[in-house]
Structures are given as structure tokens and as C-alpha cells.
């Protein structure tokens, strides 16, 4: 495939799938709140920086929510692209990798070597199983225990890619 004909992995329908998936699981909150780990958060999963002037229970505008979501989303997509180091994967798989990075960050997802290896190999069923596993044999990942619905939904969507050409 020539360089000119390569898919722009950061754009396209698959990225809209990722946006919708993240919004469904994050929800939308125009008020500042503490997340499950005690971080001040608002909007669509936007963790406020420590030096933010916003305080808990303070309201933010729809424009703020939308802008911060898109900024954070594109940062996650760039992080997913860096993690892959040029390895080709299905655009839909890239969408779910972006959703993982959005939720947990580039550093955390970079450490998921078994999941990433399976994605790079195109073994989406294995990638799905690996993302739910814990580090020790027979255990579940911290992610799947903390956000079980989201983990199940992500793993299920990745597994479905095994049946698509």
C-alpha cells in the first residue's frame, strides 16, 4: 500500500465509534465531582489538573465539556498510535485501543504487553481475553474489577473483530 493510500488512523468512522463508546461509558457531568480514585473530574471523564481553579460541585459550561473531551480524546488517540509503533491493526481495534488509553492513560496501556501483542498479531479474540486477565494466573485485571461493564463491553467489541474481514 502506498503512503498516499494509507488509512488515516486518527480520522474516520472508527474514531466516531470510539467517541460514542467513551461517552456512553463516561457519561456527561457539567459539575465538578470526585471520581472513584478521589480525583476532581468533570465533563466526559476529564480529570482536572492539580492546579485547576475549579472546585468540587462547581458547574462548567457545555463548551468547556465538549472542548476538553475532544482535546483529551485526540491525546488518547495519539497515545494509542505511539503505543502501536506503526503496527497495522484494524481501524475498529484502534478505536477500542483509543478508548482504553482515554480511560487509563498511555503509560498504563503500554504495559499491557500480551494484549498489545495480540492486537498487533491480529488475534482479536486473544487480545479480548488478555485485557480481562490479571497479572497472576487465574486472576482478573484490576480494570475489569473496577469497571466491569466497561471492561466487558470493550473486550466483547474487540472479540467481535475476529469475525470481521
Foldseek 3Di string as FASTA:
>chain_A
DDPVPDDPLLDDPLLVVLLVLQCVQQPAAQFWAQPPVGFTAHARGRGDPPPDPHDGRDGHDPVVNVVSSVVLLSVLLVLLVVLLVPQDAPSNLSSLSSNVCSNPNSVVVSPLVQLSVCRSVHNLLSNLVSQQAPPDPPHGHPVCVVRVVSSNVSSVSSNVVNVPD
